[in-house]
N, C-alpha and C. Protein backbone atom coordinates (compact mmCIF):
# COMPACT_ATOMS: atom_id res chain seq x y z
N UNK A 1 90.51 -44.79 25.29
CA UNK A 1 90.66 -43.58 25.99
C UNK A 1 91.66 -42.33 25.11
N UNK A 2 92.51 -42.81 24.64
CA UNK A 2 93.53 -42.51 23.39
C UNK A 2 93.12 -41.89 22.36
N UNK A 3 91.73 -41.98 21.47
CA UNK A 3 91.00 -41.33 20.23
C UNK A 3 90.77 -40.18 21.45
N UNK A 4 90.17 -39.98 22.45
CA UNK A 4 90.37 -38.40 22.70
C UNK A 4 90.86 -37.70 22.56
N UNK A 5 92.16 -37.83 22.91
CA UNK A 5 93.22 -37.08 22.74
C UNK A 5 93.58 -36.68 21.23
N UNK A 6 93.70 -38.17 19.98
CA UNK A 6 93.79 -38.00 18.95
C UNK A 6 93.40 -37.59 17.76
N UNK A 7 91.67 -37.80 18.86
CA UNK A 7 90.66 -37.53 17.04
C UNK A 7 89.46 -36.88 17.98
N UNK A 8 89.52 -36.51 19.51
CA UNK A 8 87.80 -36.36 19.83
C UNK A 8 88.26 -34.83 20.76
N UNK A 9 87.44 -35.08 21.88
CA UNK A 9 87.42 -33.28 22.15
C UNK A 9 88.90 -32.57 22.79
N UNK A 10 89.86 -33.95 22.93
CA UNK A 10 90.87 -33.38 23.62
C UNK A 10 92.36 -33.19 23.04
N UNK A 11 91.92 -32.93 21.61
CA UNK A 11 92.34 -32.87 20.79
C UNK A 11 93.93 -31.55 21.33
N UNK A 12 93.35 -30.46 22.04
CA UNK A 12 94.52 -29.51 22.42
C UNK A 12 95.31 -30.15 23.53
N UNK A 13 95.07 -31.86 24.62
CA UNK A 13 96.18 -32.33 25.06
C UNK A 13 97.21 -33.32 24.62
N UNK A 14 97.38 -33.22 22.87
CA UNK A 14 98.26 -34.30 22.64
C UNK A 14 99.41 -33.66 23.09
N UNK A 15 100.50 -34.55 23.11
CA UNK A 15 101.73 -34.13 22.81
C UNK A 15 102.48 -35.03 21.56
N UNK A 16 103.65 -34.46 21.34
CA UNK A 16 104.21 -34.61 20.28
C UNK A 16 105.16 -35.80 20.58
N UNK A 17 104.79 -37.22 19.87
CA UNK A 17 105.83 -37.69 20.26
C UNK A 17 105.91 -38.65 21.45
N UNK A 18 104.43 -38.56 22.20
CA UNK A 18 104.33 -39.55 23.85
C UNK A 18 102.82 -39.78 23.52
N UNK A 19 102.63 -41.01 23.79
CA UNK A 19 101.41 -41.62 23.80
C UNK A 19 101.14 -41.11 24.87
N UNK A 20 99.25 -40.91 24.41
CA UNK A 20 98.44 -39.66 25.51
C UNK A 20 97.19 -40.36 25.72
N UNK A 21 96.17 -40.95 26.89
CA UNK A 21 95.10 -40.58 26.99
C UNK A 21 94.44 -40.10 27.62
N UNK A 22 93.08 -40.05 27.87
CA UNK A 22 92.08 -39.11 29.00
C UNK A 22 90.70 -39.18 28.15
N UNK A 23 90.44 -38.31 29.56
CA UNK A 23 88.93 -38.07 29.55
C UNK A 23 88.03 -36.81 29.83
N UNK A 24 87.55 -35.77 28.82
CA UNK A 24 87.60 -34.47 29.19
C UNK A 24 85.82 -34.79 29.84
N UNK A 25 85.46 -33.49 30.61
CA UNK A 25 84.35 -33.62 31.46
C UNK A 25 83.63 -31.97 31.10
N UNK A 26 82.56 -31.94 31.78
CA UNK A 26 82.04 -30.49 31.69
C UNK A 26 80.59 -30.29 32.40
N UNK A 27 80.08 -30.08 33.23
CA UNK A 27 78.71 -30.64 33.82
C UNK A 27 77.88 -29.43 33.66
N UNK A 28 76.69 -29.73 33.62
CA UNK A 28 75.73 -28.73 33.31
C UNK A 28 75.57 -27.68 33.81
N UNK A 29 75.00 -26.35 32.80
CA UNK A 29 75.43 -25.01 33.21
C UNK A 29 77.05 -25.03 33.03
N UNK A 30 77.90 -25.08 32.88
CA UNK A 30 79.08 -25.16 32.80
C UNK A 30 79.47 -24.55 34.42
N UNK A 31 79.57 -25.57 35.13
CA UNK A 31 79.53 -24.83 36.21
C UNK A 31 81.48 -25.85 36.65
N UNK A 32 81.59 -26.78 36.09
CA UNK A 32 83.11 -27.12 36.14
C UNK A 32 83.05 -27.75 34.74
N UNK A 33 84.77 -27.81 34.63
CA UNK A 33 85.32 -28.61 33.31
C UNK A 33 86.65 -28.83 33.68
N UNK A 34 87.15 -29.97 33.25
CA UNK A 34 88.10 -31.07 33.72
C UNK A 34 88.92 -31.63 32.40
N UNK A 35 90.00 -32.11 32.80
CA UNK A 35 90.41 -32.77 31.67
C UNK A 35 91.61 -33.34 32.92
N UNK A 36 91.38 -35.14 32.82
CA UNK A 36 91.92 -35.76 33.05
C UNK A 36 93.02 -37.17 32.03
N UNK A 37 94.15 -37.11 32.19
CA UNK A 37 94.69 -37.87 31.26
C UNK A 37 96.21 -37.80 31.88
N UNK A 38 96.86 -39.02 31.04
CA UNK A 38 98.01 -40.19 31.51
C UNK A 38 98.97 -40.27 30.11
N UNK A 39 100.22 -40.75 30.50
CA UNK A 39 100.94 -40.75 29.52
C UNK A 39 101.63 -42.08 30.64
N UNK A 40 102.41 -43.06 29.75
CA UNK A 40 103.43 -44.24 30.69
C UNK A 40 104.03 -43.74 31.40
N UNK A 41 104.34 -42.55 31.94
CA UNK A 41 105.07 -41.64 32.99
C UNK A 41 104.20 -41.11 34.48
N UNK A 42 103.49 -40.26 33.59
CA UNK A 42 102.59 -39.84 34.79
C UNK A 42 101.20 -39.82 34.75
N UNK A 43 100.22 -39.50 35.42
CA UNK A 43 98.94 -39.13 35.51
C UNK A 43 98.70 -37.34 35.93
N UNK A 44 97.85 -36.97 35.48
CA UNK A 44 97.52 -35.76 36.18
C UNK A 44 96.29 -35.25 35.50
N UNK A 45 95.01 -34.43 36.52
CA UNK A 45 94.33 -34.23 36.12
C UNK A 45 93.91 -32.35 36.58
N UNK A 46 93.31 -31.51 35.30
CA UNK A 46 93.04 -30.69 36.15
C UNK A 46 91.53 -30.30 35.63
N UNK A 47 91.32 -29.53 36.82
CA UNK A 47 90.06 -28.84 37.16
C UNK A 47 89.64 -27.43 37.40
N UNK A 48 89.13 -26.98 36.48
CA UNK A 48 88.57 -25.29 36.35
C UNK A 48 86.93 -24.85 36.87
N UNK A 49 86.44 -24.52 37.35
CA UNK A 49 84.86 -23.69 37.91
C UNK A 49 85.36 -23.17 39.52
N UNK A 50 84.59 -22.41 39.13
CA UNK A 50 83.56 -21.30 40.23
C UNK A 50 83.59 -21.75 42.09
N UNK A 51 84.43 -21.43 42.58
CA UNK A 51 84.01 -21.57 44.31
C UNK A 51 82.67 -21.63 44.46
N UNK A 52 82.19 -20.64 44.33
CA UNK A 52 80.62 -20.38 44.50
C UNK A 52 79.41 -20.86 43.77
N UNK A 53 79.92 -21.89 42.99
CA UNK A 53 78.91 -22.69 41.91
C UNK A 53 78.59 -22.04 41.10
N UNK A 54 79.11 -20.99 40.64
CA UNK A 54 78.02 -20.18 39.40
C UNK A 54 79.05 -20.79 38.09
N UNK A 55 78.11 -20.76 36.68
CA UNK A 55 78.80 -20.91 36.15
C UNK A 55 80.08 -20.50 35.36
N UNK A 56 81.03 -21.64 34.88
CA UNK A 56 81.91 -20.79 33.66
C UNK A 56 81.27 -20.06 32.36
N UNK A 57 82.40 -19.36 31.73
CA UNK A 57 81.75 -18.86 30.74
C UNK A 57 81.70 -19.80 29.19
N UNK A 58 81.14 -20.83 29.81
CA UNK A 58 80.81 -21.89 29.08
C UNK A 58 81.99 -22.42 28.35
N UNK A 59 83.06 -22.88 29.56
CA UNK A 59 84.41 -23.60 29.16
C UNK A 59 83.60 -25.32 29.38
N UNK A 60 84.66 -25.74 28.23
CA UNK A 60 84.23 -26.80 28.09
C UNK A 60 85.74 -27.97 29.01
N UNK A 61 85.81 -29.55 28.56
CA UNK A 61 86.99 -29.58 29.44
C UNK A 61 88.10 -30.10 28.85
N UNK A 62 87.46 -29.97 27.20
CA UNK A 62 88.79 -30.01 25.98
C UNK A 62 89.34 -28.68 25.37
N UNK A 63 88.90 -27.71 26.18
CA UNK A 63 89.13 -26.43 26.10
C UNK A 63 90.80 -25.94 26.72
N UNK A 64 90.30 -24.89 27.88
CA UNK A 64 91.56 -24.59 28.68
C UNK A 64 91.84 -25.35 29.61
N UNK A 65 90.46 -26.62 29.87
CA UNK A 65 91.62 -27.68 31.12
C UNK A 65 92.40 -28.80 30.63
N UNK A 66 92.21 -28.96 28.84
CA UNK A 66 92.83 -29.75 28.32
C UNK A 66 94.29 -29.18 27.88
N UNK A 67 94.13 -27.84 27.17
CA UNK A 67 95.57 -27.24 27.00
C UNK A 67 96.10 -26.41 28.08
N UNK A 68 95.57 -26.73 29.45
CA UNK A 68 96.84 -26.53 30.79
C UNK A 68 97.25 -27.95 31.04
N UNK A 69 96.57 -29.09 30.92
CA UNK A 69 97.35 -30.26 30.98
C UNK A 69 98.06 -30.41 30.37
N UNK A 70 98.42 -30.48 28.82
CA UNK A 70 99.13 -30.37 27.83
C UNK A 70 100.70 -28.98 27.99
N UNK A 71 100.02 -28.39 28.78
CA UNK A 71 101.70 -27.34 29.10
C UNK A 71 102.02 -27.44 29.78
N UNK A 72 101.20 -28.49 31.45
CA UNK A 72 101.79 -29.57 32.54
C UNK A 72 103.08 -30.66 32.15
N UNK A 73 102.08 -31.17 30.99
CA UNK A 73 102.90 -32.65 30.87
C UNK A 73 103.91 -32.59 29.86
N UNK A 74 103.86 -31.16 29.45
CA UNK A 74 105.59 -30.95 27.77
C UNK A 74 106.69 -30.39 29.36
N UNK A 75 106.01 -29.81 30.22
CA UNK A 75 107.17 -29.46 31.14
C UNK A 75 107.36 -30.64 32.16
N UNK A 76 106.57 -31.35 32.21
CA UNK A 76 106.80 -32.68 33.15
C UNK A 76 107.75 -34.01 31.98
N UNK A 77 107.50 -33.51 30.75
CA UNK A 77 108.23 -35.33 30.24
C UNK A 77 109.81 -34.63 29.93
N UNK A 78 110.09 -33.19 29.87
CA UNK A 78 111.54 -33.01 29.18
C UNK A 78 112.66 -33.47 29.68
N UNK A 79 113.27 -34.38 28.96
CA UNK A 79 114.53 -35.28 29.65
C UNK A 79 114.41 -36.40 29.83
N UNK A 80 112.77 -37.29 30.40
CA UNK A 80 112.42 -38.15 30.92
C UNK A 80 111.97 -38.99 29.88
N UNK A 81 112.55 -40.54 29.82
CA UNK A 81 112.87 -41.76 29.02
C UNK A 81 111.07 -41.55 28.76
N UNK A 82 110.28 -41.68 27.83
CA UNK A 82 109.06 -42.09 27.18
C UNK A 82 108.93 -43.74 27.82
N UNK A 83 108.00 -43.72 28.83
CA UNK A 83 107.11 -45.35 28.72
C UNK A 83 105.81 -45.24 27.86
N UNK A 84 105.80 -46.78 27.42
CA UNK A 84 104.33 -46.79 26.63
C UNK A 84 103.18 -46.81 27.55
N UNK A 85 101.93 -46.85 26.73
CA UNK A 85 100.98 -46.99 27.69
C UNK A 85 100.51 -48.81 27.25
N UNK A 86 100.63 -49.66 27.88
CA UNK A 86 100.02 -50.59 27.18
C UNK A 86 98.79 -50.76 26.51
N UNK A 87 99.01 -51.45 25.39
CA UNK A 87 97.98 -51.20 24.10
C UNK A 87 97.82 -50.44 23.40
N UNK A 88 98.85 -49.12 23.61
CA UNK A 88 98.47 -47.82 22.58
C UNK A 88 100.49 -48.04 22.35
N UNK A 89 101.25 -49.11 22.68
CA UNK A 89 102.54 -48.03 22.05
C UNK A 89 103.72 -47.37 22.97
N UNK A 90 104.54 -47.70 22.41
CA UNK A 90 105.65 -46.40 23.03
C UNK A 90 105.81 -45.40 22.42
N UNK A 91 106.57 -44.56 22.85
CA UNK A 91 107.03 -43.40 22.20
C UNK A 91 108.54 -43.03 21.93
N UNK A 92 108.90 -41.82 21.77
CA UNK A 92 109.87 -41.79 21.65
C UNK A 92 110.59 -40.14 22.51
N UNK A 93 111.33 -40.20 23.02
CA UNK A 93 112.27 -39.72 23.99
C UNK A 93 112.46 -38.26 23.96
N UNK A 94 111.69 -36.80 24.40
CA UNK A 94 111.85 -35.59 24.43
C UNK A 94 113.49 -34.93 23.71
N UNK A 95 113.70 -34.32 23.30
CA UNK A 95 115.17 -34.06 23.65
C UNK A 95 115.39 -33.06 24.71
N UNK A 96 116.23 -32.96 25.30
CA UNK A 96 116.39 -32.07 26.63
C UNK A 96 116.26 -30.59 25.89
N UNK A 97 116.23 -29.45 27.08
CA UNK A 97 115.96 -28.52 26.94
C UNK A 97 117.27 -28.26 26.18
N UNK A 98 117.52 -27.32 24.89
CA UNK A 98 118.76 -26.50 24.67
C UNK A 98 118.78 -25.43 25.25
N UNK A 99 120.33 -25.92 25.85
CA UNK A 99 120.88 -24.39 26.72
C UNK A 99 121.05 -23.48 25.81
N UNK A 100 120.77 -21.82 26.11
CA UNK A 100 120.61 -20.88 25.43
C UNK A 100 122.29 -20.02 25.47
N UNK A 101 122.44 -19.20 24.83
CA UNK A 101 124.23 -18.54 24.66
C UNK A 101 124.05 -18.20 26.02
N UNK A 102 123.07 -17.69 26.29
CA UNK A 102 123.63 -16.19 27.94
C UNK A 102 123.37 -17.53 28.82
N UNK A 103 122.75 -19.16 29.24
CA UNK A 103 123.27 -19.43 29.55
C UNK A 103 124.71 -20.09 30.02
N UNK A 104 124.89 -20.44 29.14
CA UNK A 104 126.38 -21.23 28.77
C UNK A 104 127.72 -19.51 29.34
N UNK A 105 127.16 -18.40 29.00
CA UNK A 105 128.18 -17.08 29.13
C UNK A 105 128.23 -16.69 30.54
N UNK A 106 127.15 -17.36 31.32
CA UNK A 106 126.65 -16.47 32.58
C UNK A 106 127.17 -18.11 33.54
N UNK A 107 126.99 -19.08 33.25
CA UNK A 107 127.35 -20.35 34.20
C UNK A 107 125.73 -20.41 34.73
N UNK A 108 124.93 -19.94 34.72
CA UNK A 108 123.59 -19.83 35.72
C UNK A 108 122.21 -19.86 34.31
N UNK A 109 121.37 -21.09 35.45
CA UNK A 109 120.49 -21.24 34.31
C UNK A 109 119.24 -20.45 34.27
N UNK A 110 118.63 -19.76 33.23
CA UNK A 110 117.82 -18.87 33.42
C UNK A 110 116.66 -19.44 32.79
N UNK A 111 115.45 -19.22 33.86
CA UNK A 111 114.49 -19.72 33.30
C UNK A 111 113.54 -19.10 32.54
N UNK A 112 112.96 -20.30 31.43
CA UNK A 112 112.34 -19.57 30.27
C UNK A 112 111.54 -18.96 30.27
N UNK A 113 111.41 -17.95 29.11
CA UNK A 113 110.24 -17.02 29.15
C UNK A 113 109.27 -18.12 28.39
N UNK A 114 108.40 -17.68 29.22
CA UNK A 114 106.64 -18.42 28.95
C UNK A 114 105.87 -17.08 28.30
N UNK A 115 105.79 -16.97 26.82
CA UNK A 115 104.51 -16.12 26.47
C UNK A 115 103.42 -16.63 25.86
N UNK A 116 102.80 -17.00 26.60
CA UNK A 116 101.18 -17.75 26.47
C UNK A 116 100.54 -16.65 25.83
N UNK A 117 99.73 -17.02 24.57
CA UNK A 117 98.65 -16.39 24.01
C UNK A 117 97.32 -16.40 25.18
N UNK A 118 96.46 -15.87 24.78
CA UNK A 118 95.27 -15.76 25.36
C UNK A 118 94.85 -17.06 25.57
N UNK A 119 93.71 -17.12 26.47
CA UNK A 119 93.29 -18.71 26.43
C UNK A 119 92.22 -19.02 25.54
N UNK A 120 92.09 -20.24 24.96
CA UNK A 120 91.18 -20.87 24.37
C UNK A 120 89.91 -20.43 24.55
N UNK A 121 89.05 -19.87 24.12
CA UNK A 121 87.57 -19.31 24.39
C UNK A 121 86.65 -19.40 23.41
N UNK A 122 85.37 -20.01 23.75
CA UNK A 122 84.57 -19.68 22.82
C UNK A 122 83.77 -18.78 22.49
N UNK A 123 83.42 -18.20 21.11
CA UNK A 123 83.56 -17.18 20.52
C UNK A 123 82.14 -16.53 20.78
N UNK A 124 81.81 -15.25 20.60
CA UNK A 124 80.21 -14.91 20.62
C UNK A 124 79.81 -15.81 20.33
N UNK A 125 79.49 -15.54 19.08
CA UNK A 125 78.76 -16.12 17.71
C UNK A 125 78.89 -17.38 18.33
N UNK A 126 79.95 -18.27 18.58
CA UNK A 126 79.25 -19.65 18.86
C UNK A 126 78.89 -19.83 20.00
N UNK A 127 78.80 -19.11 21.28
CA UNK A 127 77.70 -18.86 22.34
C UNK A 127 76.74 -18.92 22.44
N UNK A 128 76.56 -18.34 21.44
CA UNK A 128 74.71 -17.58 20.65
C UNK A 128 74.29 -18.73 20.31
N UNK A 129 75.04 -19.39 19.48
CA UNK A 129 74.57 -20.55 18.77
C UNK A 129 73.98 -21.66 19.59
N UNK A 130 75.21 -22.06 20.74
CA UNK A 130 74.76 -23.01 21.63
C UNK A 130 73.93 -22.34 22.32
N UNK A 131 73.69 -20.93 22.50
CA UNK A 131 72.24 -21.00 23.50
C UNK A 131 71.07 -21.27 22.56
N UNK A 132 70.85 -20.94 21.85
CA UNK A 132 69.78 -20.82 20.50
C UNK A 132 69.30 -22.81 20.82
N UNK A 133 70.57 -23.24 20.19
CA UNK A 133 70.36 -25.27 20.50
C UNK A 133 69.76 -25.22 21.63
N UNK A 134 70.15 -24.32 22.74
CA UNK A 134 69.86 -25.28 24.03
C UNK A 134 68.62 -24.90 24.46
N UNK A 135 67.86 -23.74 23.76
CA UNK A 135 66.59 -23.40 24.32
C UNK A 135 65.54 -24.29 23.32
N UNK A 136 65.99 -24.26 21.83
CA UNK A 136 65.33 -25.69 21.18
C UNK A 136 65.49 -26.97 21.40
N UNK A 137 66.32 -27.20 22.12
CA UNK A 137 66.19 -28.19 22.67
C UNK A 137 65.12 -28.65 24.14
N UNK A 138 65.26 -27.07 24.83
CA UNK A 138 64.48 -27.35 25.90
C UNK A 138 63.19 -27.40 25.36
N UNK A 139 62.38 -26.36 24.79
CA UNK A 139 61.37 -26.47 23.86
C UNK A 139 61.23 -27.95 23.33
N UNK A 140 61.59 -28.75 22.93
CA UNK A 140 61.61 -29.98 22.43
C UNK A 140 61.17 -30.86 23.32
N UNK A 141 61.96 -30.48 24.32
CA UNK A 141 61.60 -31.56 25.67
C UNK A 141 60.19 -31.26 26.04
N UNK A 142 59.54 -29.96 26.36
CA UNK A 142 58.43 -29.66 27.18
C UNK A 142 57.28 -30.40 25.97
N UNK A 143 57.57 -30.14 24.81
CA UNK A 143 56.62 -30.63 23.95
C UNK A 143 56.57 -31.85 24.37
N UNK A 144 57.66 -32.43 24.11
CA UNK A 144 57.51 -34.29 23.97
C UNK A 144 57.03 -34.44 25.64
N UNK A 145 57.47 -33.74 27.07
CA UNK A 145 56.44 -34.27 27.92
C UNK A 145 55.23 -33.97 28.34
N UNK A 146 54.88 -33.34 27.43
CA UNK A 146 53.09 -32.94 27.31
C UNK A 146 52.33 -33.69 26.73
N UNK A 147 53.17 -35.02 25.52
CA UNK A 147 52.19 -35.89 24.83
C UNK A 147 52.16 -36.81 25.69
N UNK A 148 51.04 -37.38 25.79
CA UNK A 148 50.82 -39.28 26.78
C UNK A 148 51.41 -39.97 25.58
N UNK A 149 51.62 -40.84 26.39
CA UNK A 149 52.50 -42.21 25.09
C UNK A 149 51.03 -42.93 23.95
N UNK A 150 50.12 -42.73 24.17
CA UNK A 150 49.04 -43.04 23.64
C UNK A 150 48.41 -42.10 22.12
N UNK A 151 48.98 -40.62 22.24
CA UNK A 151 48.82 -39.54 21.81
C UNK A 151 49.98 -39.77 20.64
N UNK A 152 49.12 -39.34 19.20
CA UNK A 152 50.84 -39.02 18.27
C UNK A 152 50.96 -37.80 18.61
N UNK A 153 52.47 -37.50 18.28
CA UNK A 153 53.11 -36.31 18.49
C UNK A 153 53.23 -36.00 17.70
N UNK A 154 52.68 -34.85 17.33
CA UNK A 154 52.29 -33.73 16.30
C UNK A 154 53.88 -33.02 15.71
N UNK A 155 54.18 -32.97 14.51
CA UNK A 155 55.24 -33.08 14.15
C UNK A 155 55.70 -31.48 13.90
N UNK A 156 56.34 -30.68 14.42
CA UNK A 156 57.12 -29.57 14.42
C UNK A 156 57.64 -29.07 13.35
N UNK A 157 57.30 -28.05 12.62
CA UNK A 157 58.00 -27.56 10.89
C UNK A 157 59.17 -27.28 11.14
N UNK A 158 60.05 -27.90 10.52
CA UNK A 158 61.54 -27.59 10.95
C UNK A 158 61.82 -26.17 10.27
N UNK A 159 62.99 -25.17 11.36
CA UNK A 159 63.35 -24.16 10.20
C UNK A 159 65.15 -24.34 9.47
N UNK A 160 64.39 -23.89 8.34
CA UNK A 160 65.83 -24.58 7.51
C UNK A 160 66.79 -23.29 7.21
N UNK A 161 68.19 -23.81 7.58
CA UNK A 161 69.18 -23.12 7.46
C UNK A 161 70.23 -22.59 6.93
N UNK A 162 69.25 -22.71 5.39
CA UNK A 162 69.72 -22.38 4.13
C UNK A 162 69.89 -21.07 3.67
N UNK A 163 68.87 -20.11 4.55
CA UNK A 163 68.61 -18.81 3.74
C UNK A 163 70.19 -18.02 4.06
N UNK A 164 70.98 -18.52 4.83
CA UNK A 164 72.44 -18.03 4.68
C UNK A 164 72.67 -16.95 6.15
N UNK A 165 71.49 -16.15 6.58
CA UNK A 165 72.18 -14.97 7.24
C UNK A 165 70.96 -15.29 8.56
N UNK A 166 72.41 -14.91 9.43
CA UNK A 166 71.96 -15.20 11.09
C UNK A 166 71.90 -14.20 11.55
N UNK A 167 70.87 -13.66 12.67
CA UNK A 167 70.84 -12.30 13.46
C UNK A 167 72.15 -12.39 14.79
N UNK A 168 72.03 -11.20 14.72
CA UNK A 168 73.33 -10.99 15.67
C UNK A 168 73.58 -11.94 17.22
N UNK A 169 72.51 -12.07 17.23
CA UNK A 169 72.64 -12.69 18.37
C UNK A 169 71.20 -13.88 18.43
N UNK A 170 71.91 -15.58 18.33
CA UNK A 170 70.74 -16.26 18.82
C UNK A 170 69.92 -16.42 19.83
N UNK A 171 70.76 -15.51 21.50
CA UNK A 171 70.05 -16.05 21.99
C UNK A 171 69.30 -14.86 22.37
N UNK A 172 69.32 -13.99 21.40
CA UNK A 172 68.34 -12.57 21.49
C UNK A 172 66.72 -12.88 21.11
N UNK A 173 66.59 -13.74 19.86
CA UNK A 173 65.83 -14.00 19.11
C UNK A 173 65.25 -14.76 19.39
N UNK A 174 63.72 -14.75 19.23
CA UNK A 174 62.68 -15.68 19.68
C UNK A 174 62.35 -16.37 18.81
N UNK A 175 62.10 -17.63 19.13
CA UNK A 175 61.53 -18.33 17.82
C UNK A 175 59.66 -17.84 17.09
N UNK A 176 59.39 -16.99 17.49
CA UNK A 176 58.68 -16.90 16.77
C UNK A 176 59.10 -15.46 15.84
N UNK A 177 60.75 -14.97 15.99
CA UNK A 177 61.36 -13.58 15.70
C UNK A 177 61.78 -13.92 13.96
N UNK A 178 61.83 -15.29 13.93
CA UNK A 178 62.39 -15.74 12.46
C UNK A 178 61.37 -15.73 10.85
N UNK A 179 62.45 -15.08 9.89
CA UNK A 179 61.31 -15.12 8.61
C UNK A 179 61.03 -16.19 8.72
N UNK A 180 60.21 -15.95 7.60
CA UNK A 180 59.77 -17.81 6.79
C UNK A 180 61.36 -18.46 6.27
N UNK A 181 60.86 -19.63 6.36
CA UNK A 181 61.98 -20.14 5.27
C UNK A 181 62.20 -19.92 3.59
N UNK A 182 62.88 -20.14 3.29
CA UNK A 182 62.43 -20.50 1.50
C UNK A 182 62.53 -21.86 1.12
N UNK A 183 61.42 -21.62 0.51
CA UNK A 183 60.93 -23.50 0.36
C UNK A 183 62.03 -24.00 -0.59
N UNK A 184 62.45 -25.15 0.06
CA UNK A 184 63.25 -26.53 -0.57
C UNK A 184 62.91 -27.02 -1.83
N UNK A 185 64.01 -27.17 -2.74
CA UNK A 185 63.77 -27.54 -3.89
C UNK A 185 64.29 -28.80 -3.82
N UNK A 186 63.53 -29.95 -3.95
CA UNK A 186 64.16 -31.53 -4.17
C UNK A 186 64.91 -31.89 -5.43
């Protein structure tokens, strides 16, 4: 599960110098998205969803849940001796927070200024592509369901992506609306 963070869907959850492992999750129709992760010191789960069972805006567990988990764990590990995760290895201790000049002058600790950027979201183009792929998969499943085990499956002519042009919205494009693909040269 450490590879989910180091090279998989939860790269946003990676903590510098701290061995980390976890698992992302997304339900059908993007109704729920979560990341559950752990270090040698702490375990934390982050869930996003709507109370009315409506879908999110195509959120996955590797996006906002993993980033939120990362932000929580960075704060939780400040000044903590990092413990190893058995089988993964030991980490290194994060440096304690640096006292600013205003803290030294006033003698009171000032809360850190957090200026988060916009939440990581899926672009419109990316969402349109995913909707198009979902429609193609649904059509393929319907086609596969119509054939019996004894009938040969009629091959469907693939659509070439080598034309290089994309419609403004893949979700709005119907399967019959695409231009004929250019012949391929082998």
